[in-house]
Structure formats: structure tokens, C-alpha cells
Amino acid sequence: MLVVEDDVTIAASIAARLRAEGFAVDVVHDGPAAVEADAASEPDLVVLDVMLPGFDGLEVCRRIQGRRPVPVLMLTARADETDMLVGLGVGADDYLTKPFSMRVLTARVHALLRRVDRSSAGPSGARIVLGDLEIDVDQRRVARAGVAAQLTPIEFDLLVHFARRPRVVQPRERLLSEVWDWDVHGTSAGTRAVDSHIKALRRKLGADLIRTVHGVGYALEAGA
């Protein structure tokens, strides 16, 4: 794992807790070093603070997600969730607002890794075709009308969840439970996280791809 945090004390505490959970952990304290460390070690997960010297965590997230999909847990000091919404928009999978407990952090880390493990365990060669939407589950590739789209890990898993249930309305709380593997559902932050990723899928694959069912959730319209 890679921990990117400019506060040396917080970084050491996070690294110590993750190592106690059995993970190998690298720690860096600025944006450029984070991009270099990700390229060098290709961690399974990145814990990434928003406020960093060099360039900020949002730029780090853009750069590492542009090179390869990797789960990112974003740390933000803002209580208004602005950083969370922007962070999810550039490819973060989840976020925590400071101050947070190490118990919650490790729970979120394990939830992200469980989701990745479930995705990896899918049947080899699985392929989903719905109209002009094509999803290669094994290769984690997506195209619509023959045009490839680069999705973050959580965006891909969310799309596959919808594609396996076309035109079935999915409440936000169910998406949080089954895609994010969150233990606590229905919070304002959680539902906004879902909304942010839906916007990203629409931006990358077409505004008509996913229908909003007001007051309930969303449904995939491809192949209808």
C-alpha cells in the first residue's frame, strides 16, 4: 500500500495501523513523490491526502488513475464535502473526513480490497453486450459504439453491477451496500458519492446511459 500524507505524525499513525493489519506500506509526503512511488511499486491501494506540497492530491489521483486503475481512499479536512465530490470526480473510490478513527480507516481499506477481490474472481472471459455497450469483465475494458472509455475501478464495478441488472432500478442504499461494501448506508455523504460516480459514467459513456428514478435511484438503459 501507499500512504500519501504531508503530516508526518498522521502518516506514521496510518502506516503503523496498516502494517499491524498485515499490509506492506510505503509512505511519501508530497505530490511528485506520490506519483513516482505509485509508478515504482504499483500498490494495491493508495491512501491519499488532498492537501499536499508540490501538487495536491487531486492532481496525484488524476495522474495515477491515468496510468493504471488503482483503488484510492481520499483523506480530506473539509467538512462541506467539496473535496470529496471533486476527488470522486477525478477517480477516488472512497473518502474519509479528518479527524477519523483508525478503526474506520482500516474498515474502509478492507471494504475496498474486498470489492477488488470480488471483481477479480469473476468468470474468465465474461463479456456483457447491451446494445452498443460492450463490457469485457475479465479485461476490465468498456466501449460504447466502438469507442473505448477509461473507467476507474469503482466506476467499472458500478457499471458491471448495473449491466447485470439492465433496466432494474437500483436504490442508492443498495449500490452503497453491494458495490462499495459499506456497513453504514443512506448517509448524505454516501448518496452523494453514488451521484458523483453516476455523473462520471454519464460523462464518459453518454448522458442517456443511466436513467434517474427520482426519489429511488438509477437504472441502466443501454440495450433497451
Protein backbone atom coordinates (compact mmCIF):
# COMPACT_ATOMS: atom_id res chain seq x y z
CA MET A 1 0.00 0.00 0.00
CA LEU A 2 0.98 3.60 -0.49
CA VAL A 3 0.20 6.28 2.10
CA VAL A 4 0.48 9.88 0.86
CA GLU A 5 0.19 12.40 3.71
CA ASP A 6 2.23 15.54 4.37
CA ASP A 7 1.62 15.45 8.14
CA VAL A 8 4.42 13.15 9.31
CA THR A 9 2.61 12.17 12.53
CA ILE A 10 -0.64 11.25 10.77
CA ALA A 11 1.25 9.39 8.04
CA ALA A 12 3.19 7.37 10.64
CA SER A 13 -0.02 6.51 12.51
CA ILE A 14 -1.80 5.33 9.36
CA ALA A 15 1.21 3.29 8.24
CA ALA A 16 1.59 1.69 11.68
CA ARG A 17 -2.06 0.66 11.77
CA LEU A 18 -1.99 -0.76 8.26
CA ARG A 19 1.21 -2.67 8.98
CA ALA A 20 -0.45 -4.07 12.10
CA GLU A 21 -3.18 -5.34 9.76
CA GLY A 22 -0.52 -7.22 7.79
CA PHE A 23 0.00 -4.85 4.87
CA ALA A 24 3.31 -3.73 3.41
CA VAL A 25 3.24 0.07 3.38
CA ASP A 26 5.28 2.79 1.67
CA VAL A 27 4.94 6.41 2.86
CA VAL A 28 5.58 9.64 0.97
CA HIS A 29 4.76 13.24 1.85
CA ASP A 30 4.26 15.22 -1.37
CA GLY A 31 2.57 15.03 -4.76
CA PRO A 32 5.52 14.37 -7.05
CA ALA A 33 6.88 11.66 -4.74
CA ALA A 34 3.44 10.02 -4.69
CA VAL A 35 3.31 9.72 -8.48
CA GLU A 36 6.85 8.33 -8.57
CA ALA A 37 6.14 5.83 -5.77
CA ASP A 38 2.97 4.61 -7.46
CA ALA A 39 4.82 4.01 -10.72
CA ALA A 40 7.70 2.25 -8.94
CA SER A 41 5.78 -0.08 -6.63
CA GLU A 42 2.27 -0.28 -8.17
CA PRO A 43 0.50 -0.56 -4.80
CA ASP A 44 -2.80 -2.40 -4.43
CA LEU A 45 -4.37 0.66 -2.78
CA VAL A 46 -3.46 4.32 -2.20
CA VAL A 47 -4.43 6.32 0.90
CA LEU A 48 -4.19 9.89 -0.39
CA ASP A 49 -4.47 13.23 1.40
CA VAL A 50 -5.93 16.12 -0.59
CA MET A 51 -3.64 18.88 0.69
CA LEU A 52 -0.06 18.13 -0.36
CA PRO A 53 3.04 20.14 -1.26
CA GLY A 54 4.30 20.01 -4.85
CA PHE A 55 0.84 19.44 -6.27
CA ASP A 56 -2.32 18.39 -4.49
CA GLY A 57 -3.95 15.00 -4.02
CA LEU A 58 -6.49 15.66 -6.76
CA GLU A 59 -3.70 16.01 -9.31
CA VAL A 60 -1.98 12.93 -7.88
CA CYS A 61 -5.22 10.98 -8.31
CA ARG A 62 -5.62 12.15 -11.91
CA ARG A 63 -2.09 11.13 -12.79
CA ILE A 64 -2.06 7.69 -11.17
CA GLN A 65 -5.52 6.81 -12.48
CA GLY A 66 -4.42 7.96 -15.92
CA ARG A 67 -1.57 5.45 -15.82
CA ARG A 68 -3.43 2.46 -14.34
CA PRO A 69 -6.63 1.86 -12.38
CA VAL A 70 -5.96 1.61 -8.64
CA PRO A 71 -8.30 1.96 -5.63
CA VAL A 72 -7.83 5.33 -3.92
CA LEU A 73 -9.07 6.27 -0.45
CA MET A 74 -9.02 10.07 -0.25
CA LEU A 75 -8.47 11.97 3.02
CA THR A 76 -9.94 15.45 3.33
CA ALA A 77 -10.02 18.06 6.08
CA ARG A 78 -13.11 19.79 4.66
CA ALA A 79 -16.42 19.25 6.42
CA ASP A 80 -18.50 20.59 3.49
CA GLU A 81 -17.66 17.56 1.33
CA THR A 82 -16.33 19.74 -1.52
CA ASP A 83 -13.06 17.81 -1.65
CA MET A 84 -14.99 14.53 -1.56
CA LEU A 85 -17.12 15.39 -4.58
CA VAL A 86 -14.15 16.68 -6.59
CA GLY A 87 -11.99 13.73 -5.52
CA LEU A 88 -14.59 11.20 -6.60
CA GLY A 89 -14.83 13.07 -9.88
CA VAL A 90 -11.13 12.56 -10.63
CA GLY A 91 -11.12 8.86 -9.75
CA ALA A 92 -11.07 8.36 -5.98
CA ASP A 93 -13.11 5.37 -4.83
CA ASP A 94 -13.91 6.46 -1.29
CA TYR A 95 -13.09 9.24 1.15
CA LEU A 96 -12.70 9.98 4.85
CA THR A 97 -13.08 13.37 6.51
CA LYS A 98 -10.49 14.28 9.16
CA PRO A 99 -10.41 13.62 12.03
CA PHE A 100 -11.19 9.92 11.62
CA SER A 101 -10.57 6.82 13.71
CA MET A 102 -8.05 4.23 12.58
CA ARG A 103 -10.76 1.62 13.03
CA VAL A 104 -12.90 3.34 10.39
CA LEU A 105 -9.92 3.77 8.07
CA THR A 106 -8.99 0.09 8.21
CA ALA A 107 -12.65 -0.88 7.69
CA ARG A 108 -12.79 1.25 4.54
CA VAL A 109 -9.48 -0.19 3.31
CA HIS A 110 -10.69 -3.76 3.78
CA ALA A 111 -14.00 -2.92 2.07
CA LEU A 112 -12.18 -1.54 -0.98
CA LEU A 113 -9.94 -4.59 -1.17
CA ARG A 114 -12.90 -6.97 -0.82
CA ARG A 115 -14.54 -5.23 -3.76
CA VAL A 116 -11.39 -5.62 -5.83
CA ASP A 117 -11.16 -9.30 -4.87
CA ARG A 118 -14.77 -9.89 -5.90
CA SER A 119 -14.12 -8.22 -9.23
CA SER A 120 -11.03 -10.36 -9.82
CA ALA A 121 -12.91 -13.55 -9.02
CA GLY A 122 -15.41 -13.18 -11.86
CA PRO A 123 -15.64 -15.89 -14.55
CA SER A 124 -12.79 -15.82 -17.05
CA GLY A 125 -13.76 -14.37 -20.41
CA ALA A 126 -17.04 -12.92 -19.12
CA ARG A 127 -18.43 -10.39 -21.59
CA ILE A 128 -21.58 -8.29 -21.43
CA VAL A 129 -23.15 -6.73 -24.53
CA LEU A 130 -26.18 -4.45 -24.19
CA GLY A 131 -26.96 -2.66 -27.41
CA ASP A 132 -23.88 -0.60 -28.27
CA LEU A 133 -22.39 -1.05 -24.80
CA GLU A 134 -19.67 -3.71 -24.57
CA ILE A 135 -18.03 -4.75 -21.30
CA ASP A 136 -15.13 -7.18 -21.08
CA VAL A 137 -15.31 -8.12 -17.40
CA ASP A 138 -12.13 -10.19 -17.40
CA GLN A 139 -10.00 -7.49 -19.08
CA ARG A 140 -11.90 -4.66 -17.34
CA ARG A 141 -12.47 -2.85 -20.63
CA VAL A 142 -15.50 -0.86 -21.73
CA ALA A 143 -16.59 0.57 -25.06
CA ARG A 144 -19.73 2.23 -26.33
CA ALA A 145 -20.45 2.42 -30.05
CA GLY A 146 -16.93 1.11 -30.58
CA VAL A 147 -15.29 3.93 -28.60
CA ALA A 148 -13.25 2.77 -25.60
CA ALA A 149 -13.66 4.54 -22.26
CA GLN A 150 -11.21 4.55 -19.38
CA LEU A 151 -13.01 3.97 -16.09
CA THR A 152 -11.73 4.00 -12.54
CA PRO A 153 -12.06 0.72 -10.58
CA ILE A 154 -15.21 1.85 -8.77
CA GLU A 155 -16.77 3.22 -11.96
CA PHE A 156 -16.16 -0.09 -13.70
CA ASP A 157 -17.63 -2.13 -10.85
CA LEU A 158 -20.65 0.17 -10.68
CA LEU A 159 -21.24 -0.19 -14.41
CA VAL A 160 -20.97 -4.00 -14.25
CA HIS A 161 -23.44 -4.03 -11.35
CA PHE A 162 -25.95 -2.12 -13.49
CA ALA A 163 -25.20 -4.17 -16.63
CA ARG A 164 -26.01 -7.42 -14.86
CA ARG A 165 -29.43 -5.96 -13.99
CA PRO A 166 -30.41 -3.88 -17.05
CA ARG A 167 -33.43 -1.60 -16.63
CA VAL A 168 -33.81 -2.65 -12.97
CA VAL A 169 -33.95 0.35 -10.65
CA GLN A 170 -31.11 0.29 -8.11
CA PRO A 171 -31.63 2.34 -4.92
CA ARG A 172 -28.61 4.30 -3.78
CA GLU A 173 -28.50 2.39 -0.49
CA ARG A 174 -28.27 -0.93 -2.35
CA LEU A 175 -25.46 0.40 -4.51
CA LEU A 176 -23.56 1.53 -1.42
CA SER A 177 -24.01 -1.90 0.13
CA GLU A 178 -23.31 -4.11 -2.89
CA VAL A 179 -20.73 -2.05 -4.82
CA TRP A 180 -18.96 -0.04 -2.10
CA ASP A 181 -19.47 -2.72 0.60
CA TRP A 182 -20.23 -0.02 3.15
CA ASP A 183 -21.62 -1.12 6.51
CA VAL A 184 -23.48 2.15 7.06
CA HIS A 185 -25.89 3.22 4.33
CA GLY A 186 -28.21 6.04 3.49
CA THR A 187 -25.98 8.88 4.72
CA SER A 188 -25.89 12.13 2.79
CA ALA A 189 -22.19 11.62 2.06
CA GLY A 190 -22.77 8.11 0.78
CA THR A 191 -25.61 9.03 -1.54
CA ARG A 192 -23.61 11.96 -2.90
CA ALA A 193 -20.73 9.59 -3.59
CA VAL A 194 -23.09 7.43 -5.68
CA ASP A 195 -24.40 10.50 -7.53
CA SER A 196 -20.85 11.66 -8.31
CA HIS A 197 -19.89 8.33 -9.87
CA ILE A 198 -23.12 8.20 -11.90
CA LYS A 199 -22.23 11.63 -13.31
CA ALA A 200 -18.77 10.33 -14.22
CA LEU A 201 -20.24 7.32 -16.07
CA ARG A 202 -22.62 9.57 -17.98
CA ARG A 203 -19.78 11.92 -18.90
CA LYS A 204 -17.62 9.06 -20.20
CA LEU A 205 -20.28 6.84 -21.80
CA GLY A 206 -23.19 9.11 -22.66
CA ALA A 207 -25.85 11.01 -20.74
CA ASP A 208 -28.55 8.58 -21.87
CA LEU A 209 -26.80 5.53 -20.41
CA ILE A 210 -28.28 5.66 -16.90
CA ARG A 211 -31.77 6.89 -16.05
CA THR A 212 -32.54 8.71 -12.82
CA VAL A 213 -35.62 7.49 -10.96
CA HIS A 214 -36.30 10.42 -8.68
CA GLY A 215 -36.56 9.59 -5.02
CA VAL A 216 -35.41 6.00 -5.63
CA GLY A 217 -32.16 5.53 -7.54
CA TYR A 218 -30.87 4.70 -11.01
CA ALA A 219 -31.35 2.18 -13.83
CA LEU A 220 -29.18 1.25 -16.81
CA GLU A 221 -30.95 1.97 -20.10
CA ALA A 222 -28.41 0.52 -22.56
CA GLY A 223 -29.87 -2.20 -24.74
CA ALA A 224 -33.42 -1.11 -24.11
